[in-house]
Amino acid sequence: ELLLSSNPIHKKIPVLLHNGKAIVES
């Protein structure tokens, strides 16, 4: 659920969470 909520568009890793904010695409 963490991945799906953090990257709902691509649903891929990696995801960096910084102070609760998600940054995606390596």
mmCIF file of all heavy atoms, coordinates in Angstrom:
data_MODEL
# 
_entry.id   MODEL 
# 
loop_
_atom_site.group_PDB 
_atom_site.id 
_atom_site.type_symbol 
_atom_site.label_atom_id 
_atom_site.label_alt_id 
_atom_site.label_comp_id 
_atom_site.label_asym_id 
_atom_site.label_entity_id 
_atom_site.label_seq_id 
_atom_site.pdbx_PDB_ins_code 
_atom_site.Cartn_x 
_atom_site.Cartn_y 
_atom_site.Cartn_z 
_atom_site.occupancy 
_atom_site.B_iso_or_equiv 
_atom_site.pdbx_formal_charge 
_atom_site.auth_seq_id 
_atom_site.auth_comp_id 
_atom_site.auth_asym_id 
_atom_site.auth_atom_id 
_atom_site.pdbx_PDB_model_num 
ATOM 1   N N   . GLU A 1 1  ? 0.831  -1.206 0.000   1.00 0.00 ? 1  GLU A N   1 
ATOM 2   C CA  . GLU A 1 1  ? 0.000  0.000  0.000   1.00 0.00 ? 1  GLU A CA  1 
ATOM 3   C C   . GLU A 1 1  ? 0.862  1.251  0.000   1.00 0.00 ? 1  GLU A C   1 
ATOM 4   O O   . GLU A 1 1  ? 0.495  2.270  -0.580  1.00 0.00 ? 1  GLU A O   1 
ATOM 5   C CB  . GLU A 1 1  ? -0.929 -0.008 1.217   1.00 0.00 ? 1  GLU A CB  1 
ATOM 6   C CG  . GLU A 1 1  ? -2.071 -1.002 1.120   1.00 0.00 ? 1  GLU A CG  1 
ATOM 7   C CD  . GLU A 1 1  ? -2.963 -0.739 -0.085  1.00 0.00 ? 1  GLU A CD  1 
ATOM 8   O OE1 . GLU A 1 1  ? -3.252 0.452  -0.368  1.00 0.00 ? 1  GLU A OE1 1 
ATOM 9   O OE2 . GLU A 1 1  ? -3.353 -1.714 -0.750  1.00 0.00 ? 1  GLU A OE2 1 
ATOM 10  N N   . LEU A 1 2  ? 2.022  1.167  0.643   1.00 0.00 ? 2  LEU A N   1 
ATOM 11  C CA  . LEU A 1 2  ? 2.929  2.310  0.671   1.00 0.00 ? 2  LEU A CA  1 
ATOM 12  C C   . LEU A 1 2  ? 3.412  2.641  -0.740  1.00 0.00 ? 2  LEU A C   1 
ATOM 13  O O   . LEU A 1 2  ? 3.457  3.817  -1.133  1.00 0.00 ? 2  LEU A O   1 
ATOM 14  C CB  . LEU A 1 2  ? 4.119  2.023  1.579   1.00 0.00 ? 2  LEU A CB  1 
ATOM 15  C CG  . LEU A 1 2  ? 5.164  3.139  1.706   1.00 0.00 ? 2  LEU A CG  1 
ATOM 16  C CD1 . LEU A 1 2  ? 4.534  4.421  2.223   1.00 0.00 ? 2  LEU A CD1 1 
ATOM 17  C CD2 . LEU A 1 2  ? 6.315  2.693  2.608   1.00 0.00 ? 2  LEU A CD2 1 
ATOM 18  N N   . LEU A 1 3  ? 3.768  1.617  -1.521  1.00 0.00 ? 3  LEU A N   1 
ATOM 19  C CA  . LEU A 1 3  ? 4.203  1.845  -2.899  1.00 0.00 ? 3  LEU A CA  1 
ATOM 20  C C   . LEU A 1 3  ? 3.067  2.415  -3.734  1.00 0.00 ? 3  LEU A C   1 
ATOM 21  O O   . LEU A 1 3  ? 3.250  3.391  -4.476  1.00 0.00 ? 3  LEU A O   1 
ATOM 22  C CB  . LEU A 1 3  ? 4.710  0.542  -3.515  1.00 0.00 ? 3  LEU A CB  1 
ATOM 23  C CG  . LEU A 1 3  ? 5.063  0.594  -5.011  1.00 0.00 ? 3  LEU A CG  1 
ATOM 24  C CD1 . LEU A 1 3  ? 6.135  1.633  -5.280  1.00 0.00 ? 3  LEU A CD1 1 
ATOM 25  C CD2 . LEU A 1 3  ? 5.501  -0.772 -5.510  1.00 0.00 ? 3  LEU A CD2 1 
ATOM 26  N N   . LEU A 1 4  ? 1.891  1.833  -3.617  1.00 0.00 ? 4  LEU A N   1 
ATOM 27  C CA  . LEU A 1 4  ? 0.754  2.266  -4.432  1.00 0.00 ? 4  LEU A CA  1 
ATOM 28  C C   . LEU A 1 4  ? 0.329  3.690  -4.107  1.00 0.00 ? 4  LEU A C   1 
ATOM 29  O O   . LEU A 1 4  ? -0.070 4.448  -4.992  1.00 0.00 ? 4  LEU A O   1 
ATOM 30  C CB  . LEU A 1 4  ? -0.418 1.300  -4.237  1.00 0.00 ? 4  LEU A CB  1 
ATOM 31  C CG  . LEU A 1 4  ? -0.178 -0.135 -4.723  1.00 0.00 ? 4  LEU A CG  1 
ATOM 32  C CD1 . LEU A 1 4  ? -1.363 -1.022 -4.372  1.00 0.00 ? 4  LEU A CD1 1 
ATOM 33  C CD2 . LEU A 1 4  ? 0.094  -0.175 -6.222  1.00 0.00 ? 4  LEU A CD2 1 
ATOM 34  N N   . SER A 1 5  ? 0.429  4.050  -2.847  1.00 0.00 ? 5  SER A N   1 
ATOM 35  C CA  . SER A 1 5  ? 0.046  5.413  -2.466  1.00 0.00 ? 5  SER A CA  1 
ATOM 36  C C   . SER A 1 5  ? 1.149  6.425  -2.768  1.00 0.00 ? 5  SER A C   1 
ATOM 37  O O   . SER A 1 5  ? 0.864  7.600  -3.039  1.00 0.00 ? 5  SER A O   1 
ATOM 38  C CB  . SER A 1 5  ? -0.315 5.459  -0.979  1.00 0.00 ? 5  SER A CB  1 
ATOM 39  O OG  . SER A 1 5  ? 0.809  5.115  -0.173  1.00 0.00 ? 5  SER A OG  1 
ATOM 40  N N   . SER A 1 6  ? 2.393  5.974  -2.756  1.00 0.00 ? 6  SER A N   1 
ATOM 41  C CA  . SER A 1 6  ? 3.516  6.877  -2.999  1.00 0.00 ? 6  SER A CA  1 
ATOM 42  C C   . SER A 1 6  ? 3.756  7.119  -4.485  1.00 0.00 ? 6  SER A C   1 
ATOM 43  O O   . SER A 1 6  ? 4.213  8.194  -4.879  1.00 0.00 ? 6  SER A O   1 
ATOM 44  C CB  . SER A 1 6  ? 4.796  6.308  -2.369  1.00 0.00 ? 6  SER A CB  1 
ATOM 45  O OG  . SER A 1 6  ? 4.659  6.144  -0.986  1.00 0.00 ? 6  SER A OG  1 
ATOM 46  N N   . ASN A 1 7  ? 3.476  6.120  -5.291  1.00 0.00 ? 7  ASN A N   1 
ATOM 47  C CA  . ASN A 1 7  ? 3.673  6.228  -6.739  1.00 0.00 ? 7  ASN A CA  1 
ATOM 48  C C   . ASN A 1 7  ? 2.441  5.684  -7.455  1.00 0.00 ? 7  ASN A C   1 
ATOM 49  O O   . ASN A 1 7  ? 2.507  4.642  -8.124  1.00 0.00 ? 7  ASN A O   1 
ATOM 50  C CB  . ASN A 1 7  ? 4.935  5.461  -7.154  1.00 0.00 ? 7  ASN A CB  1 
ATOM 51  C CG  . ASN A 1 7  ? 5.353  5.752  -8.584  1.00 0.00 ? 7  ASN A CG  1 
ATOM 52  O OD1 . ASN A 1 7  ? 4.724  6.538  -9.288  1.00 0.00 ? 7  ASN A OD1 1 
ATOM 53  N ND2 . ASN A 1 7  ? 6.422  5.105  -9.031  1.00 0.00 ? 7  ASN A ND2 1 
ATOM 54  N N   . PRO A 1 8  ? 1.295  6.360  -7.323  1.00 0.00 ? 8  PRO A N   1 
ATOM 55  C CA  . PRO A 1 8  ? 0.043  5.829  -7.869  1.00 0.00 ? 8  PRO A CA  1 
ATOM 56  C C   . PRO A 1 8  ? -0.012 5.805  -9.393  1.00 0.00 ? 8  PRO A C   1 
ATOM 57  O O   . PRO A 1 8  ? -0.813 5.064  -9.966  1.00 0.00 ? 8  PRO A O   1 
ATOM 58  C CB  . PRO A 1 8  ? -1.006 6.783  -7.298  1.00 0.00 ? 8  PRO A CB  1 
ATOM 59  C CG  . PRO A 1 8  ? -0.263 8.067  -7.059  1.00 0.00 ? 8  PRO A CG  1 
ATOM 60  C CD  . PRO A 1 8  ? 1.116  7.643  -6.634  1.00 0.00 ? 8  PRO A CD  1 
ATOM 61  N N   . ILE A 1 9  ? 0.825  6.590  -10.066 1.00 0.00 ? 9  ILE A N   1 
ATOM 62  C CA  . ILE A 1 9  ? 0.777  6.646  -11.532 1.00 0.00 ? 9  ILE A CA  1 
ATOM 63  C C   . ILE A 1 9  ? 1.503  5.444  -12.141 1.00 0.00 ? 9  ILE A C   1 
ATOM 64  O O   . ILE A 1 9  ? 0.935  4.682  -12.917 1.00 0.00 ? 9  ILE A O   1 
ATOM 65  C CB  . ILE A 1 9  ? 1.388  7.963  -12.045 1.00 0.00 ? 9  ILE A CB  1 
ATOM 66  C CG1 . ILE A 1 9  ? 0.523  9.140  -11.576 1.00 0.00 ? 9  ILE A CG1 1 
ATOM 67  C CG2 . ILE A 1 9  ? 1.481  7.944  -13.580 1.00 0.00 ? 9  ILE A CG2 1 
ATOM 68  C CD1 . ILE A 1 9  ? 1.063  10.491 -11.952 1.00 0.00 ? 9  ILE A CD1 1 
ATOM 69  N N   . HIS A 1 10 ? 2.778  5.261  -11.783 1.00 0.00 ? 10 HIS A N   1 
ATOM 70  C CA  . HIS A 1 10 ? 3.568  4.177  -12.380 1.00 0.00 ? 10 HIS A CA  1 
ATOM 71  C C   . HIS A 1 10 ? 3.604  2.915  -11.526 1.00 0.00 ? 10 HIS A C   1 
ATOM 72  O O   . HIS A 1 10 ? 3.884  1.832  -12.043 1.00 0.00 ? 10 HIS A O   1 
ATOM 73  C CB  . HIS A 1 10 ? 4.996  4.657  -12.635 1.00 0.00 ? 10 HIS A CB  1 
ATOM 74  C CG  . HIS A 1 10 ? 5.081  5.797  -13.603 1.00 0.00 ? 10 HIS A CG  1 
ATOM 75  N ND1 . HIS A 1 10 ? 4.641  5.698  -14.906 1.00 0.00 ? 10 HIS A ND1 1 
ATOM 76  C CD2 . HIS A 1 10 ? 5.554  7.067  -13.459 1.00 0.00 ? 10 HIS A CD2 1 
ATOM 77  C CE1 . HIS A 1 10 ? 4.836  6.853  -15.529 1.00 0.00 ? 10 HIS A CE1 1 
ATOM 78  N NE2 . HIS A 1 10 ? 5.385  7.699  -14.672 1.00 0.00 ? 10 HIS A NE2 1 
ATOM 79  N N   . LYS A 1 11 ? 3.388  3.084  -10.212 1.00 0.00 ? 11 LYS A N   1 
ATOM 80  C CA  . LYS A 1 11 ? 3.390  1.938  -9.287  1.00 0.00 ? 11 LYS A CA  1 
ATOM 81  C C   . LYS A 1 11 ? 4.714  1.170  -9.349  1.00 0.00 ? 11 LYS A C   1 
ATOM 82  O O   . LYS A 1 11 ? 4.748  -0.059 -9.318  1.00 0.00 ? 11 LYS A O   1 
ATOM 83  C CB  . LYS A 1 11 ? 2.216  0.998  -9.580  1.00 0.00 ? 11 LYS A CB  1 
ATOM 84  C CG  . LYS A 1 11 ? 0.844  1.662  -9.521  1.00 0.00 ? 11 LYS A CG  1 
ATOM 85  C CD  . LYS A 1 11 ? -0.267 0.686  -9.877  1.00 0.00 ? 11 LYS A CD  1 
ATOM 86  C CE  . LYS A 1 11 ? -1.644 1.327  -9.771  1.00 0.00 ? 11 LYS A CE  1 
ATOM 87  N NZ  . LYS A 1 11 ? -1.821 2.438  -10.733 1.00 0.00 ? 11 LYS A NZ  1 
ATOM 88  N N   . LYS A 1 12 ? 5.824  1.913  -9.474  1.00 0.00 ? 12 LYS A N   1 
ATOM 89  C CA  . LYS A 1 12 ? 7.134  1.292  -9.614  1.00 0.00 ? 12 LYS A CA  1 
ATOM 90  C C   . LYS A 1 12 ? 8.094  1.797  -8.543  1.00 0.00 ? 12 LYS A C   1 
ATOM 91  O O   . LYS A 1 12 ? 7.886  2.842  -7.932  1.00 0.00 ? 12 LYS A O   1 
ATOM 92  C CB  . LYS A 1 12 ? 7.729  1.620  -10.999 1.00 0.00 ? 12 LYS A CB  1 
ATOM 93  C CG  . LYS A 1 12 ? 6.949  1.078  -12.179 1.00 0.00 ? 12 LYS A CG  1 
ATOM 94  C CD  . LYS A 1 12 ? 7.739  1.201  -13.475 1.00 0.00 ? 12 LYS A CD  1 
ATOM 95  C CE  . LYS A 1 12 ? 8.147  2.620  -13.769 1.00 0.00 ? 12 LYS A CE  1 
ATOM 96  N NZ  . LYS A 1 12 ? 8.870  2.739  -15.061 1.00 0.00 ? 12 LYS A NZ  1 
ATOM 97  N N   . ILE A 1 13 ? 9.149  1.018  -8.350  1.00 0.00 ? 13 ILE A N   1 
ATOM 98  C CA  . ILE A 1 13 ? 10.257 1.415  -7.484  1.00 0.00 ? 13 ILE A CA  1 
ATOM 99  C C   . ILE A 1 13 ? 11.372 1.958  -8.382  1.00 0.00 ? 13 ILE A C   1 
ATOM 100 O O   . ILE A 1 13 ? 11.392 1.653  -9.582  1.00 0.00 ? 13 ILE A O   1 
ATOM 101 C CB  . ILE A 1 13 ? 10.749 0.212  -6.636  1.00 0.00 ? 13 ILE A CB  1 
ATOM 102 C CG1 . ILE A 1 13 ? 10.964 -1.014 -7.557  1.00 0.00 ? 13 ILE A CG1 1 
ATOM 103 C CG2 . ILE A 1 13 ? 9.735  -0.144 -5.588  1.00 0.00 ? 13 ILE A CG2 1 
ATOM 104 C CD1 . ILE A 1 13 ? 12.234 -1.643 -7.444  1.00 0.00 ? 13 ILE A CD1 1 
ATOM 105 N N   . PRO A 1 14 ? 12.296 2.737  -7.829  1.00 0.00 ? 14 PRO A N   1 
ATOM 106 C CA  . PRO A 1 14 ? 12.384 3.159  -6.425  1.00 0.00 ? 14 PRO A CA  1 
ATOM 107 C C   . PRO A 1 14 ? 11.484 4.358  -6.134  1.00 0.00 ? 14 PRO A C   1 
ATOM 108 O O   . PRO A 1 14 ? 11.096 5.099  -7.036  1.00 0.00 ? 14 PRO A O   1 
ATOM 109 C CB  . PRO A 1 14 ? 13.863 3.566  -6.301  1.00 0.00 ? 14 PRO A CB  1 
ATOM 110 C CG  . PRO A 1 14 ? 14.216 4.065  -7.669  1.00 0.00 ? 14 PRO A CG  1 
ATOM 111 C CD  . PRO A 1 14 ? 13.462 3.189  -8.620  1.00 0.00 ? 14 PRO A CD  1 
ATOM 112 N N   . VAL A 1 15 ? 11.194 4.515  -4.851  1.00 0.00 ? 15 VAL A N   1 
ATOM 113 C CA  . VAL A 1 15 ? 10.520 5.707  -4.345  1.00 0.00 ? 15 VAL A CA  1 
ATOM 114 C C   . VAL A 1 15 ? 11.338 6.225  -3.173  1.00 0.00 ? 15 VAL A C   1 
ATOM 115 O O   . VAL A 1 15 ? 11.670 5.456  -2.265  1.00 0.00 ? 15 VAL A O   1 
ATOM 116 C CB  . VAL A 1 15 ? 9.079  5.410  -3.888  1.00 0.00 ? 15 VAL A CB  1 
ATOM 117 C CG1 . VAL A 1 15 ? 8.455  6.655  -3.260  1.00 0.00 ? 15 VAL A CG1 1 
ATOM 118 C CG2 . VAL A 1 15 ? 8.229  4.909  -5.043  1.00 0.00 ? 15 VAL A CG2 1 
ATOM 119 N N   . LEU A 1 16 ? 11.673 7.494  -3.208  1.00 0.00 ? 16 LEU A N   1 
ATOM 120 C CA  . LEU A 1 16 ? 12.340 8.139  -2.085  1.00 0.00 ? 16 LEU A CA  1 
ATOM 121 C C   . LEU A 1 16 ? 11.298 8.927  -1.317  1.00 0.00 ? 16 LEU A C   1 
ATOM 122 O O   . LEU A 1 16 ? 10.561 9.731  -1.896  1.00 0.00 ? 16 LEU A O   1 
ATOM 123 C CB  . LEU A 1 16 ? 13.445 9.081  -2.565  1.00 0.00 ? 16 LEU A CB  1 
ATOM 124 C CG  . LEU A 1 16 ? 14.271 9.722  -1.435  1.00 0.00 ? 16 LEU A CG  1 
ATOM 125 C CD1 . LEU A 1 16 ? 15.278 8.720  -0.885  1.00 0.00 ? 16 LEU A CD1 1 
ATOM 126 C CD2 . LEU A 1 16 ? 14.997 10.984 -1.931  1.00 0.00 ? 16 LEU A CD2 1 
ATOM 127 N N   . LEU A 1 17 ? 11.218 8.677  -0.026  1.00 0.00 ? 17 LEU A N   1 
ATOM 128 C CA  . LEU A 1 17 ? 10.319 9.426  0.844   1.00 0.00 ? 17 LEU A CA  1 
ATOM 129 C C   . LEU A 1 17 ? 11.162 10.347 1.713   1.00 0.00 ? 17 LEU A C   1 
ATOM 130 O O   . LEU A 1 17 ? 11.989 9.886  2.500   1.00 0.00 ? 17 LEU A O   1 
ATOM 131 C CB  . LEU A 1 17 ? 9.497  8.473  1.718   1.00 0.00 ? 17 LEU A CB  1 
ATOM 132 C CG  . LEU A 1 17 ? 8.547  7.537  0.945   1.00 0.00 ? 17 LEU A CG  1 
ATOM 133 C CD1 . LEU A 1 17 ? 8.012  6.450  1.863   1.00 0.00 ? 17 LEU A CD1 1 
ATOM 134 C CD2 . LEU A 1 17 ? 7.407  8.316  0.318   1.00 0.00 ? 17 LEU A CD2 1 
ATOM 135 N N   . HIS A 1 18 ? 10.971 11.649 1.551   1.00 0.00 ? 18 HIS A N   1 
ATOM 136 C CA  . HIS A 1 18 ? 11.731 12.638 2.311   1.00 0.00 ? 18 HIS A CA  1 
ATOM 137 C C   . HIS A 1 18 ? 10.745 13.529 3.066   1.00 0.00 ? 18 HIS A C   1 
ATOM 138 O O   . HIS A 1 18 ? 9.971  14.260 2.453   1.00 0.00 ? 18 HIS A O   1 
ATOM 139 C CB  . HIS A 1 18 ? 12.600 13.481 1.382   1.00 0.00 ? 18 HIS A CB  1 
ATOM 140 C CG  . HIS A 1 18 ? 13.470 14.462 2.098   1.00 0.00 ? 18 HIS A CG  1 
ATOM 141 N ND1 . HIS A 1 18 ? 13.902 15.637 1.536   1.00 0.00 ? 18 HIS A ND1 1 
ATOM 142 C CD2 . HIS A 1 18 ? 13.994 14.428 3.367   1.00 0.00 ? 18 HIS A CD2 1 
ATOM 143 C CE1 . HIS A 1 18 ? 14.644 16.300 2.414   1.00 0.00 ? 18 HIS A CE1 1 
ATOM 144 N NE2 . HIS A 1 18 ? 14.709 15.578 3.517   1.00 0.00 ? 18 HIS A NE2 1 
ATOM 145 N N   . ASN A 1 19 ? 10.765 13.395 4.369   1.00 0.00 ? 19 ASN A N   1 
ATOM 146 C CA  . ASN A 1 19 ? 9.813  14.127 5.212   1.00 0.00 ? 19 ASN A CA  1 
ATOM 147 C C   . ASN A 1 19 ? 8.375  13.889 4.770   1.00 0.00 ? 19 ASN A C   1 
ATOM 148 O O   . ASN A 1 19 ? 7.546  14.806 4.741   1.00 0.00 ? 19 ASN A O   1 
ATOM 149 C CB  . ASN A 1 19 ? 10.126 15.627 5.202   1.00 0.00 ? 19 ASN A CB  1 
ATOM 150 C CG  . ASN A 1 19 ? 11.442 15.942 5.884   1.00 0.00 ? 19 ASN A CG  1 
ATOM 151 O OD1 . ASN A 1 19 ? 11.827 15.276 6.841   1.00 0.00 ? 19 ASN A OD1 1 
ATOM 152 N ND2 . ASN A 1 19 ? 12.140 16.943 5.401   1.00 0.00 ? 19 ASN A ND2 1 
ATOM 153 N N   . GLY A 1 20 ? 8.090  12.646 4.389   1.00 0.00 ? 20 GLY A N   1 
ATOM 154 C CA  . GLY A 1 20 ? 6.730  12.270 4.024   1.00 0.00 ? 20 GLY A CA  1 
ATOM 155 C C   . GLY A 1 20 ? 6.355  12.543 2.579   1.00 0.00 ? 20 GLY A C   1 
ATOM 156 O O   . GLY A 1 20 ? 5.272  12.143 2.138   1.00 0.00 ? 20 GLY A O   1 
ATOM 157 N N   . LYS A 1 21 ? 7.223  13.212 1.831   1.00 0.00 ? 21 LYS A N   1 
ATOM 158 C CA  . LYS A 1 21 ? 6.937  13.516 0.428   1.00 0.00 ? 21 LYS A CA  1 
ATOM 159 C C   . LYS A 1 21 ? 7.640  12.505 -0.474  1.00 0.00 ? 21 LYS A C   1 
ATOM 160 O O   . LYS A 1 21 ? 8.809  12.182 -0.265  1.00 0.00 ? 21 LYS A O   1 
ATOM 161 C CB  . LYS A 1 21 ? 7.394  14.930 0.082   1.00 0.00 ? 21 LYS A CB  1 
ATOM 162 C CG  . LYS A 1 21 ? 6.635  16.017 0.840   1.00 0.00 ? 21 LYS A CG  1 
ATOM 163 C CD  . LYS A 1 21 ? 7.140  17.399 0.462   1.00 0.00 ? 21 LYS A CD  1 
ATOM 164 C CE  . LYS A 1 21 ? 6.371  18.489 1.211   1.00 0.00 ? 21 LYS A CE  1 
ATOM 165 N NZ  . LYS A 1 21 ? 6.864  19.853 0.867   1.00 0.00 ? 21 LYS A NZ  1 
ATOM 166 N N   . ALA A 1 22 ? 6.927  12.032 -1.488  1.00 0.00 ? 22 ALA A N   1 
ATOM 167 C CA  . ALA A 1 22 ? 7.451  10.994 -2.370  1.00 0.00 ? 22 ALA A CA  1 
ATOM 168 C C   . ALA A 1 22 ? 8.087  11.587 -3.619  1.00 0.00 ? 22 ALA A C   1 
ATOM 169 O O   . ALA A 1 22 ? 7.511  12.475 -4.259  1.00 0.00 ? 22 ALA A O   1 
ATOM 170 C CB  . ALA A 1 22 ? 6.336  10.039 -2.774  1.00 0.00 ? 22 ALA A CB  1 
ATOM 171 N N   . ILE A 1 23 ? 9.279  11.094 -3.951  1.00 0.00 ? 23 ILE A N   1 
ATOM 172 C CA  . ILE A 1 23 ? 9.957  11.444 -5.195  1.00 0.00 ? 23 ILE A CA  1 
ATOM 173 C C   . ILE A 1 23 ? 10.165 10.138 -5.949  1.00 0.00 ? 23 ILE A C   1 
ATOM 174 O O   . ILE A 1 23 ? 10.641 9.152  -5.376  1.00 0.00 ? 23 ILE A O   1 
ATOM 175 C CB  . ILE A 1 23 ? 11.317 12.146 -4.947  1.00 0.00 ? 23 ILE A CB  1 
ATOM 176 C CG1 . ILE A 1 23 ? 11.122 13.387 -4.083  1.00 0.00 ? 23 ILE A CG1 1 
ATOM 177 C CG2 . ILE A 1 23 ? 11.957 12.532 -6.268  1.00 0.00 ? 23 ILE A CG2 1 
ATOM 178 C CD1 . ILE A 1 23 ? 11.369 13.160 -2.617  1.00 0.00 ? 23 ILE A CD1 1 
ATOM 179 N N   . VAL A 1 24 ? 9.806  10.112 -7.237  1.00 0.00 ? 24 VAL A N   1 
ATOM 180 C CA  . VAL A 1 24 ? 9.861  8.876  -8.017  1.00 0.00 ? 24 VAL A CA  1 
ATOM 181 C C   . VAL A 1 24 ? 10.733 9.059  -9.263  1.00 0.00 ? 24 VAL A C   1 
ATOM 182 O O   . VAL A 1 24 ? 11.103 10.187 -9.615  1.00 0.00 ? 24 VAL A O   1 
ATOM 183 C CB  . VAL A 1 24 ? 8.444  8.419  -8.436  1.00 0.00 ? 24 VAL A CB  1 
ATOM 184 C CG1 . VAL A 1 24 ? 7.578  8.194  -7.205  1.00 0.00 ? 24 VAL A CG1 1 
ATOM 185 C CG2 . VAL A 1 24 ? 7.778  9.440  -9.363  1.00 0.00 ? 24 VAL A CG2 1 
ATOM 186 N N   . GLU A 1 25 ? 11.031 7.926  -9.923  1.00 0.00 ? 25 GLU A N   1 
ATOM 187 C CA  . GLU A 1 25 ? 11.896 7.840  -11.094 1.00 0.00 ? 25 GLU A CA  1 
ATOM 188 C C   . GLU A 1 25 ? 13.352 8.068  -10.676 1.00 0.00 ? 25 GLU A C   1 
ATOM 189 O O   . GLU A 1 25 ? 13.717 9.135  -10.203 1.00 0.00 ? 25 GLU A O   1 
ATOM 190 C CB  . GLU A 1 25 ? 11.491 8.823  -12.197 1.00 0.00 ? 25 GLU A CB  1 
ATOM 191 C CG  . GLU A 1 25 ? 10.071 8.622  -12.711 1.00 0.00 ? 25 GLU A CG  1 
ATOM 192 C CD  . GLU A 1 25 ? 9.886  7.269  -13.390 1.00 0.00 ? 25 GLU A CD  1 
ATOM 193 O OE1 . GLU A 1 25 ? 10.744 6.879  -14.206 1.00 0.00 ? 25 GLU A OE1 1 
ATOM 194 O OE2 . GLU A 1 25 ? 8.896  6.597  -13.083 1.00 0.00 ? 25 GLU A OE2 1 
ATOM 195 N N   . SER A 1 26 ? 14.179 7.065  -10.894 1.00 0.00 ? 26 SER A N   1 
ATOM 196 C CA  . SER A 1 26 ? 15.515 7.046  -10.286 1.00 0.00 ? 26 SER A CA  1 
ATOM 197 C C   . SER A 1 26 ? 16.407 8.216  -10.703 1.00 0.00 ? 26 SER A C   1 
ATOM 198 O O   . SER A 1 26 ? 17.108 8.778  -9.862  1.00 0.00 ? 26 SER A O   1 
ATOM 199 C CB  . SER A 1 26 ? 16.211 5.717  -10.576 1.00 0.00 ? 26 SER A CB  1 
ATOM 200 O OG  . SER A 1 26 ? 16.444 5.546  -11.964 1.00 0.00 ? 26 SER A OG  1 
# 
